[in-house]
């Protein structure tokens, strides 16, 4: 089940992000989400803005988290080596992470997001092959490279269903 995250979920969300960082490192992605990103402050800000969601199983165990943010993302204003295919309003999937205890997490996130928005964008680190494959296997198109606020490159993907 997907539900909006609440302040009481902060500790579980941080645990999930720690497990996701460990999975990234084990999968050869040594630099994404360094320095404890996403931080407790970012988690709390996402919750306060109403853009943070958690997945919990039937026993109430929180096993995944993501942010679903409607509106223009300033880091997506400029794209290198390609182009966005759809200029309509969109929502962005950010900070998706799982603790690895449940299967089908990425599909559940996408199913939830697609019931709310007909146009989605997302980005990931060049070393995050599992996420890149997940995008491509679920109808997203690779569009080019965007730059984060600090200039770091990220591979950008888009899905448009409407």
N, C-alpha and C. Protein backbone atom coordinates (compact mmCIF):
# COMPACT_ATOMS: atom_id res chain seq x y z
N UNK A 1 0.84 -1.18 0.00
CA UNK A 1 0.00 0.00 0.00
C UNK A 1 0.89 1.25 0.00
N UNK A 2 0.51 2.23 -0.78
CA UNK A 2 1.20 3.52 -0.81
C UNK A 2 0.37 4.51 -0.01
N UNK A 3 1.02 5.27 0.83
CA UNK A 3 0.35 6.34 1.56
C UNK A 3 1.29 7.53 1.72
N UNK A 4 0.70 8.68 2.01
CA UNK A 4 1.52 9.86 2.23
C UNK A 4 2.33 9.67 3.52
N UNK A 5 3.59 10.07 3.46
CA UNK A 5 4.46 9.95 4.63
C UNK A 5 4.06 10.97 5.68
N UNK A 6 4.32 10.60 6.92
CA UNK A 6 4.03 11.47 8.07
C UNK A 6 5.29 11.63 8.90
N UNK A 7 5.29 12.61 9.76
CA UNK A 7 6.45 12.89 10.61
C UNK A 7 6.85 11.64 11.40
N UNK A 8 5.90 10.84 11.82
CA UNK A 8 6.21 9.61 12.59
C UNK A 8 6.99 8.59 11.78
N UNK A 9 7.07 8.78 10.46
CA UNK A 9 7.77 7.85 9.57
C UNK A 9 9.24 8.19 9.36
N UNK A 10 9.71 9.31 9.88
CA UNK A 10 11.07 9.79 9.57
C UNK A 10 12.13 8.74 9.85
N UNK A 11 12.11 8.11 11.01
CA UNK A 11 13.14 7.12 11.35
C UNK A 11 13.13 5.95 10.36
N UNK A 12 11.94 5.46 10.01
CA UNK A 12 11.85 4.37 9.03
C UNK A 12 12.34 4.82 7.66
N UNK A 13 12.01 6.03 7.26
CA UNK A 13 12.46 6.54 5.96
C UNK A 13 13.99 6.61 5.92
N UNK A 14 14.59 7.11 6.98
CA UNK A 14 16.05 7.17 7.04
C UNK A 14 16.67 5.77 7.00
N UNK A 15 16.03 4.80 7.65
CA UNK A 15 16.49 3.40 7.60
C UNK A 15 16.40 2.87 6.17
N UNK A 16 15.32 3.18 5.48
CA UNK A 16 15.15 2.74 4.09
C UNK A 16 16.23 3.35 3.21
N UNK A 17 16.50 4.64 3.38
CA UNK A 17 17.52 5.28 2.56
C UNK A 17 18.90 4.70 2.84
N UNK A 18 19.18 4.33 4.08
CA UNK A 18 20.46 3.70 4.40
C UNK A 18 20.59 2.36 3.68
N UNK A 19 19.53 1.57 3.67
CA UNK A 19 19.54 0.29 2.97
C UNK A 19 19.69 0.51 1.46
N UNK A 20 19.05 1.54 0.93
CA UNK A 20 19.16 1.83 -0.51
C UNK A 20 20.58 2.23 -0.87
N UNK A 21 21.23 3.02 -0.01
CA UNK A 21 22.64 3.40 -0.26
C UNK A 21 23.53 2.15 -0.25
N UNK A 22 23.28 1.25 0.68
CA UNK A 22 24.08 0.02 0.74
C UNK A 22 23.87 -0.82 -0.52
N UNK A 23 22.64 -0.90 -1.02
CA UNK A 23 22.36 -1.62 -2.26
C UNK A 23 23.09 -0.97 -3.43
N UNK A 24 23.06 0.35 -3.49
CA UNK A 24 23.77 1.06 -4.57
C UNK A 24 25.25 0.71 -4.56
N UNK A 25 25.87 0.76 -3.38
CA UNK A 25 27.30 0.46 -3.28
C UNK A 25 27.58 -0.97 -3.73
N UNK A 26 26.73 -1.90 -3.31
CA UNK A 26 26.91 -3.30 -3.68
C UNK A 26 26.70 -3.53 -5.17
N UNK A 27 25.95 -2.63 -5.82
CA UNK A 27 25.66 -2.75 -7.25
C UNK A 27 26.63 -1.96 -8.12
N UNK A 28 27.70 -1.42 -7.51
CA UNK A 28 28.71 -0.70 -8.28
C UNK A 28 28.48 0.80 -8.38
N UNK A 29 27.48 1.30 -7.72
CA UNK A 29 27.18 2.73 -7.72
C UNK A 29 27.79 3.33 -6.46
N UNK A 30 29.04 3.75 -6.57
CA UNK A 30 29.81 4.15 -5.39
C UNK A 30 29.60 5.59 -4.93
N UNK A 31 29.03 6.44 -5.78
CA UNK A 31 29.00 7.86 -5.42
C UNK A 31 27.62 8.47 -5.25
N UNK A 32 26.57 7.88 -5.84
CA UNK A 32 25.24 8.47 -5.70
C UNK A 32 24.79 8.44 -4.25
N UNK A 33 24.11 9.48 -3.83
CA UNK A 33 23.59 9.63 -2.48
C UNK A 33 24.69 9.56 -1.43
N UNK A 34 25.83 10.20 -1.73
CA UNK A 34 26.91 10.29 -0.76
C UNK A 34 26.59 11.30 0.33
N UNK A 35 27.38 11.26 1.39
CA UNK A 35 27.24 12.23 2.46
C UNK A 35 25.92 12.17 3.21
N UNK A 36 25.30 10.99 3.25
CA UNK A 36 24.06 10.84 4.00
C UNK A 36 22.83 11.39 3.31
N UNK A 37 22.92 11.64 2.01
CA UNK A 37 21.76 12.11 1.26
C UNK A 37 20.83 10.94 1.02
N UNK A 38 19.55 11.13 1.08
CA UNK A 38 18.80 12.30 1.53
C UNK A 38 18.85 12.44 3.06
N UNK A 39 19.05 13.65 3.49
CA UNK A 39 19.21 13.93 4.92
C UNK A 39 17.85 13.97 5.64
N UNK A 40 17.93 13.96 6.96
CA UNK A 40 16.72 14.09 7.78
C UNK A 40 15.99 15.39 7.46
N UNK A 41 16.74 16.44 7.17
CA UNK A 41 16.11 17.73 6.84
C UNK A 41 15.34 17.64 5.52
N UNK A 42 15.91 16.96 4.54
CA UNK A 42 15.23 16.79 3.26
C UNK A 42 13.98 15.93 3.44
N UNK A 43 14.10 14.86 4.21
CA UNK A 43 12.95 13.99 4.49
C UNK A 43 11.83 14.79 5.14
N UNK A 44 12.17 15.56 6.14
CA UNK A 44 11.15 16.36 6.84
C UNK A 44 10.54 17.42 5.92
N UNK A 45 11.36 18.02 5.08
CA UNK A 45 10.85 19.03 4.14
C UNK A 45 9.89 18.40 3.14
N UNK A 46 10.23 17.21 2.63
CA UNK A 46 9.33 16.51 1.70
C UNK A 46 8.00 16.20 2.37
N UNK A 47 8.04 15.75 3.61
CA UNK A 47 6.81 15.44 4.35
C UNK A 47 5.99 16.72 4.55
N UNK A 48 6.64 17.78 4.96
CA UNK A 48 5.94 19.05 5.19
C UNK A 48 5.29 19.58 3.92
N UNK A 49 5.93 19.36 2.78
CA UNK A 49 5.39 19.82 1.48
C UNK A 49 4.32 18.89 0.94
N UNK A 50 4.14 17.73 1.58
CA UNK A 50 3.13 16.78 1.13
C UNK A 50 3.51 16.01 -0.11
N UNK A 51 4.83 15.85 -0.37
CA UNK A 51 5.28 15.17 -1.59
C UNK A 51 5.99 13.84 -1.29
N UNK A 52 6.04 13.44 -0.03
CA UNK A 52 6.72 12.21 0.35
C UNK A 52 5.69 11.10 0.56
N UNK A 53 6.01 9.93 0.00
CA UNK A 53 5.12 8.77 0.10
C UNK A 53 5.93 7.56 0.55
N UNK A 54 5.25 6.67 1.28
CA UNK A 54 5.88 5.44 1.73
C UNK A 54 5.05 4.26 1.25
N UNK A 55 5.72 3.13 1.11
CA UNK A 55 5.05 1.87 0.81
C UNK A 55 5.15 1.01 2.05
N UNK A 56 4.02 0.43 2.44
CA UNK A 56 4.03 -0.47 3.59
C UNK A 56 3.31 -1.76 3.23
N UNK A 57 3.80 -2.85 3.80
CA UNK A 57 3.18 -4.14 3.53
C UNK A 57 1.97 -4.35 4.44
N UNK A 58 1.32 -5.47 4.32
CA UNK A 58 0.12 -5.75 5.11
C UNK A 58 0.33 -5.76 6.60
N UNK A 59 1.57 -5.98 7.02
CA UNK A 59 1.88 -5.99 8.46
C UNK A 59 2.25 -4.60 8.97
N UNK A 60 2.20 -3.60 8.10
CA UNK A 60 2.53 -2.24 8.52
C UNK A 60 4.00 -1.91 8.45
N UNK A 61 4.82 -2.79 7.86
CA UNK A 61 6.26 -2.55 7.72
C UNK A 61 6.51 -1.60 6.56
N UNK A 62 7.14 -0.45 6.84
CA UNK A 62 7.52 0.48 5.78
C UNK A 62 8.75 -0.06 5.09
N UNK A 63 8.68 -0.21 3.75
CA UNK A 63 9.79 -0.82 3.03
C UNK A 63 10.29 0.01 1.86
N UNK A 64 9.62 1.11 1.53
CA UNK A 64 10.09 1.96 0.43
C UNK A 64 9.56 3.37 0.62
N UNK A 65 10.22 4.30 -0.06
CA UNK A 65 9.86 5.71 0.04
C UNK A 65 10.19 6.39 -1.29
N UNK A 66 9.45 7.42 -1.61
CA UNK A 66 9.75 8.24 -2.78
C UNK A 66 9.08 9.59 -2.63
N UNK A 67 9.58 10.55 -3.39
CA UNK A 67 8.95 11.86 -3.48
C UNK A 67 8.32 11.97 -4.87
N UNK A 68 7.12 12.49 -4.92
CA UNK A 68 6.41 12.72 -6.17
C UNK A 68 6.04 14.20 -6.19
N UNK A 69 6.76 14.96 -7.01
CA UNK A 69 6.70 16.42 -6.93
C UNK A 69 6.12 17.00 -8.22
N UNK A 70 4.90 17.56 -8.14
CA UNK A 70 4.31 18.17 -9.33
C UNK A 70 4.94 19.52 -9.64
N UNK A 71 4.93 19.88 -10.91
CA UNK A 71 5.44 21.19 -11.31
C UNK A 71 6.84 21.12 -11.87
N UNK A 72 7.25 22.24 -12.44
CA UNK A 72 8.56 22.31 -13.08
C UNK A 72 9.70 22.10 -12.09
N UNK A 73 10.64 21.27 -12.48
CA UNK A 73 11.87 21.06 -11.72
C UNK A 73 12.95 21.91 -12.38
N UNK A 74 13.52 22.89 -11.67
CA UNK A 74 14.49 23.79 -12.30
C UNK A 74 15.71 23.08 -12.90
N UNK A 75 16.09 21.93 -12.35
CA UNK A 75 17.24 21.22 -12.91
C UNK A 75 16.91 20.60 -14.26
N UNK A 76 15.64 20.56 -14.63
CA UNK A 76 15.23 19.99 -15.91
C UNK A 76 15.06 21.05 -16.99
N UNK A 77 15.33 22.31 -16.66
CA UNK A 77 15.17 23.39 -17.65
C UNK A 77 16.11 23.22 -18.83
N UNK A 78 17.29 22.68 -18.57
CA UNK A 78 18.29 22.50 -19.62
C UNK A 78 18.69 21.02 -19.68
N UNK A 79 18.69 20.48 -20.89
CA UNK A 79 19.06 19.07 -21.07
C UNK A 79 20.11 18.99 -22.16
N UNK A 80 21.13 18.18 -21.92
CA UNK A 80 22.25 18.05 -22.86
C UNK A 80 22.17 16.71 -23.57
N UNK A 81 22.59 16.68 -24.83
CA UNK A 81 22.68 15.43 -25.57
C UNK A 81 21.34 14.82 -25.91
N UNK A 82 20.31 15.62 -25.94
CA UNK A 82 18.98 15.12 -26.25
C UNK A 82 17.94 16.20 -26.02
N UNK A 83 16.71 15.78 -25.81
CA UNK A 83 15.62 16.73 -25.60
C UNK A 83 14.46 16.03 -24.91
N UNK A 84 13.70 16.81 -24.17
CA UNK A 84 12.45 16.29 -23.63
C UNK A 84 11.49 16.10 -24.80
N UNK A 85 10.66 15.10 -24.72
CA UNK A 85 9.73 14.79 -25.81
C UNK A 85 8.37 15.44 -25.62
N UNK A 86 8.05 15.83 -24.40
CA UNK A 86 6.72 16.34 -24.07
C UNK A 86 6.88 17.59 -23.23
N UNK A 87 6.27 18.69 -23.66
CA UNK A 87 6.39 19.97 -22.94
C UNK A 87 5.22 20.23 -22.00
N UNK A 88 4.32 19.27 -21.86
CA UNK A 88 3.16 19.46 -20.99
C UNK A 88 3.58 19.44 -19.51
N UNK A 89 2.71 19.91 -18.61
CA UNK A 89 3.02 19.85 -17.18
C UNK A 89 3.34 18.42 -16.74
N UNK A 90 4.23 18.30 -15.76
CA UNK A 90 4.68 16.98 -15.33
C UNK A 90 4.90 16.94 -13.83
N UNK A 91 5.09 15.74 -13.32
CA UNK A 91 5.53 15.51 -11.94
C UNK A 91 6.84 14.74 -12.02
N UNK A 92 7.67 14.94 -11.02
CA UNK A 92 8.98 14.30 -10.99
C UNK A 92 9.04 13.29 -9.85
N UNK A 93 9.57 12.12 -10.15
CA UNK A 93 9.84 11.12 -9.12
C UNK A 93 11.27 11.33 -8.65
N UNK A 94 11.42 11.59 -7.37
CA UNK A 94 12.74 11.79 -6.77
C UNK A 94 12.90 10.89 -5.55
N UNK A 95 14.13 10.64 -5.19
CA UNK A 95 14.49 9.99 -3.93
C UNK A 95 13.75 8.67 -3.68
N UNK A 96 13.62 7.85 -4.72
CA UNK A 96 12.99 6.54 -4.56
C UNK A 96 14.00 5.57 -3.97
N UNK A 97 13.61 4.93 -2.89
CA UNK A 97 14.49 3.97 -2.24
C UNK A 97 13.70 2.86 -1.59
N UNK A 98 14.34 1.70 -1.47
CA UNK A 98 13.71 0.51 -0.88
C UNK A 98 14.68 -0.14 0.11
N UNK A 99 14.11 -0.82 1.09
CA UNK A 99 14.99 -1.56 2.01
C UNK A 99 15.27 -2.97 1.51
N UNK A 100 14.69 -3.35 0.37
CA UNK A 100 14.97 -4.65 -0.24
C UNK A 100 14.16 -5.80 0.30
N UNK A 101 13.22 -5.55 1.20
CA UNK A 101 12.46 -6.65 1.81
C UNK A 101 11.24 -7.06 1.00
N UNK A 102 10.83 -6.25 0.03
CA UNK A 102 9.64 -6.54 -0.77
C UNK A 102 10.00 -6.43 -2.26
N UNK A 103 9.29 -7.18 -3.07
CA UNK A 103 9.47 -7.12 -4.53
C UNK A 103 8.38 -6.24 -5.14
N UNK A 104 8.63 -5.75 -6.35
CA UNK A 104 7.63 -4.97 -7.07
C UNK A 104 7.52 -3.53 -6.63
N UNK A 105 8.53 -3.02 -5.93
CA UNK A 105 8.49 -1.66 -5.41
C UNK A 105 8.43 -0.64 -6.53
N UNK A 106 9.30 -0.76 -7.51
CA UNK A 106 9.35 0.23 -8.57
C UNK A 106 8.02 0.26 -9.33
N UNK A 107 7.47 -0.89 -9.61
CA UNK A 107 6.18 -0.98 -10.29
C UNK A 107 5.09 -0.31 -9.45
N UNK A 108 5.10 -0.53 -8.14
CA UNK A 108 4.10 0.09 -7.26
C UNK A 108 4.22 1.62 -7.26
N UNK A 109 5.45 2.11 -7.24
CA UNK A 109 5.67 3.55 -7.30
C UNK A 109 5.13 4.12 -8.60
N UNK A 110 5.46 3.47 -9.71
CA UNK A 110 5.00 3.96 -11.02
C UNK A 110 3.49 3.86 -11.15
N UNK A 111 2.90 2.78 -10.68
CA UNK A 111 1.44 2.64 -10.76
C UNK A 111 0.77 3.77 -9.99
N UNK A 112 1.28 4.07 -8.81
CA UNK A 112 0.73 5.16 -7.99
C UNK A 112 0.88 6.49 -8.72
N UNK A 113 2.08 6.78 -9.20
CA UNK A 113 2.34 8.06 -9.86
C UNK A 113 1.50 8.22 -11.12
N UNK A 114 1.35 7.15 -11.87
CA UNK A 114 0.61 7.21 -13.14
C UNK A 114 -0.90 7.37 -12.93
N UNK A 115 -1.41 7.02 -11.76
CA UNK A 115 -2.83 7.27 -11.50
C UNK A 115 -3.08 8.75 -11.20
N UNK A 116 -2.03 9.48 -10.92
CA UNK A 116 -2.16 10.90 -10.57
C UNK A 116 -1.69 11.85 -11.67
N UNK A 117 -0.74 11.39 -12.47
CA UNK A 117 -0.14 12.26 -13.49
C UNK A 117 0.03 11.49 -14.80
N UNK A 118 -0.23 12.19 -15.91
CA UNK A 118 -0.06 11.59 -17.24
C UNK A 118 1.31 11.85 -17.83
N UNK A 119 2.14 12.57 -17.10
CA UNK A 119 3.48 12.91 -17.60
C UNK A 119 4.44 12.91 -16.41
N UNK A 120 5.44 12.05 -16.49
CA UNK A 120 6.41 11.91 -15.40
C UNK A 120 7.82 12.09 -15.94
N UNK A 121 8.66 12.66 -15.11
CA UNK A 121 10.09 12.74 -15.40
C UNK A 121 10.85 12.23 -14.18
N UNK A 122 12.08 11.80 -14.43
CA UNK A 122 12.93 11.30 -13.36
C UNK A 122 14.37 11.32 -13.86
N UNK A 123 15.31 11.23 -12.93
CA UNK A 123 16.71 11.17 -13.33
C UNK A 123 17.46 10.26 -12.36
N UNK A 124 18.61 9.80 -12.80
CA UNK A 124 19.43 8.96 -11.94
C UNK A 124 20.90 9.08 -12.33
N UNK A 125 21.73 8.63 -11.46
CA UNK A 125 23.18 8.64 -11.65
C UNK A 125 23.56 7.67 -12.77
N UNK A 126 24.59 7.99 -13.50
CA UNK A 126 25.05 7.13 -14.60
C UNK A 126 25.43 5.72 -14.11
N UNK A 127 25.84 5.59 -12.86
CA UNK A 127 26.22 4.28 -12.32
C UNK A 127 25.04 3.48 -11.77
N UNK A 128 23.84 4.06 -11.79
CA UNK A 128 22.69 3.37 -11.21
C UNK A 128 21.96 2.55 -12.29
N UNK A 129 22.61 1.46 -12.70
CA UNK A 129 22.06 0.60 -13.76
C UNK A 129 20.70 0.01 -13.39
N UNK A 130 20.48 -0.44 -12.15
CA UNK A 130 19.15 -0.99 -11.83
C UNK A 130 18.02 0.02 -12.05
N UNK A 131 18.24 1.28 -11.68
CA UNK A 131 17.20 2.29 -11.86
C UNK A 131 17.02 2.61 -13.35
N UNK A 132 18.12 2.71 -14.08
CA UNK A 132 18.01 2.97 -15.51
C UNK A 132 17.21 1.86 -16.20
N UNK A 133 17.52 0.62 -15.86
CA UNK A 133 16.78 -0.51 -16.44
C UNK A 133 15.32 -0.46 -16.06
N UNK A 134 15.04 -0.09 -14.82
CA UNK A 134 13.66 0.03 -14.37
C UNK A 134 12.88 1.05 -15.17
N UNK A 135 13.51 2.19 -15.44
CA UNK A 135 12.84 3.19 -16.27
C UNK A 135 12.52 2.63 -17.65
N UNK A 136 13.54 2.08 -18.30
CA UNK A 136 13.37 1.61 -19.67
C UNK A 136 12.38 0.45 -19.77
N UNK A 137 12.36 -0.42 -18.78
CA UNK A 137 11.45 -1.57 -18.79
C UNK A 137 10.01 -1.16 -18.48
N UNK A 138 9.81 0.07 -18.03
CA UNK A 138 8.48 0.52 -17.64
C UNK A 138 7.99 1.72 -18.46
N UNK A 139 8.45 1.79 -19.71
CA UNK A 139 7.88 2.76 -20.63
C UNK A 139 8.50 4.14 -20.64
N UNK A 140 9.54 4.35 -19.86
CA UNK A 140 10.23 5.64 -19.89
C UNK A 140 11.19 5.67 -21.07
N UNK A 141 11.49 6.86 -21.54
CA UNK A 141 12.44 7.07 -22.62
C UNK A 141 13.62 7.88 -22.08
N UNK A 142 14.83 7.45 -22.44
CA UNK A 142 16.01 8.23 -22.09
C UNK A 142 16.01 9.50 -22.95
N UNK A 143 16.19 10.66 -22.31
CA UNK A 143 16.09 11.94 -23.03
C UNK A 143 17.39 12.72 -23.10
N UNK A 144 18.36 12.45 -22.25
CA UNK A 144 19.61 13.19 -22.24
C UNK A 144 20.12 13.35 -20.83
N UNK A 145 20.99 14.32 -20.64
CA UNK A 145 21.63 14.55 -19.34
C UNK A 145 21.20 15.91 -18.80
N UNK A 146 20.77 15.90 -17.53
CA UNK A 146 20.49 17.16 -16.83
C UNK A 146 21.61 17.37 -15.81
N UNK A 147 21.68 18.55 -15.27
CA UNK A 147 22.69 18.86 -14.24
C UNK A 147 21.98 19.28 -12.96
N UNK A 148 22.41 18.69 -11.85
CA UNK A 148 21.90 19.10 -10.56
C UNK A 148 22.39 20.51 -10.24
N UNK A 149 21.88 21.09 -9.18
CA UNK A 149 22.26 22.46 -8.80
C UNK A 149 23.77 22.59 -8.62
N UNK A 150 24.44 21.51 -8.17
CA UNK A 150 25.89 21.56 -7.97
C UNK A 150 26.68 21.22 -9.24
N UNK A 151 25.96 21.01 -10.36
CA UNK A 151 26.61 20.73 -11.64
C UNK A 151 26.79 19.25 -11.95
N UNK A 152 26.48 18.38 -11.00
CA UNK A 152 26.64 16.94 -11.22
C UNK A 152 25.67 16.45 -12.29
N UNK A 153 26.15 15.62 -13.24
CA UNK A 153 25.27 15.13 -14.31
C UNK A 153 24.38 13.99 -13.83
N UNK A 154 23.18 13.93 -14.42
CA UNK A 154 22.26 12.82 -14.17
C UNK A 154 21.56 12.46 -15.48
N UNK A 155 21.36 11.17 -15.68
CA UNK A 155 20.65 10.67 -16.85
C UNK A 155 19.15 10.91 -16.63
N UNK A 156 18.50 11.54 -17.62
CA UNK A 156 17.11 11.96 -17.47
C UNK A 156 16.17 11.10 -18.32
N UNK A 157 15.02 10.79 -17.75
CA UNK A 157 14.03 9.91 -18.37
C UNK A 157 12.65 10.55 -18.30
N UNK A 158 11.80 10.13 -19.24
CA UNK A 158 10.46 10.72 -19.30
C UNK A 158 9.45 9.65 -19.71
N UNK A 159 8.25 9.76 -19.16
CA UNK A 159 7.11 8.94 -19.53
C UNK A 159 5.92 9.84 -19.74
N UNK A 160 5.23 9.62 -20.82
CA UNK A 160 4.03 10.39 -21.10
C UNK A 160 2.94 9.42 -21.52
N UNK A 161 1.85 9.42 -20.77
CA UNK A 161 0.80 8.46 -21.05
C UNK A 161 -0.50 9.09 -21.52
N UNK A 162 -0.49 10.38 -21.75
CA UNK A 162 -1.77 10.98 -22.09
C UNK A 162 -1.70 12.05 -23.06
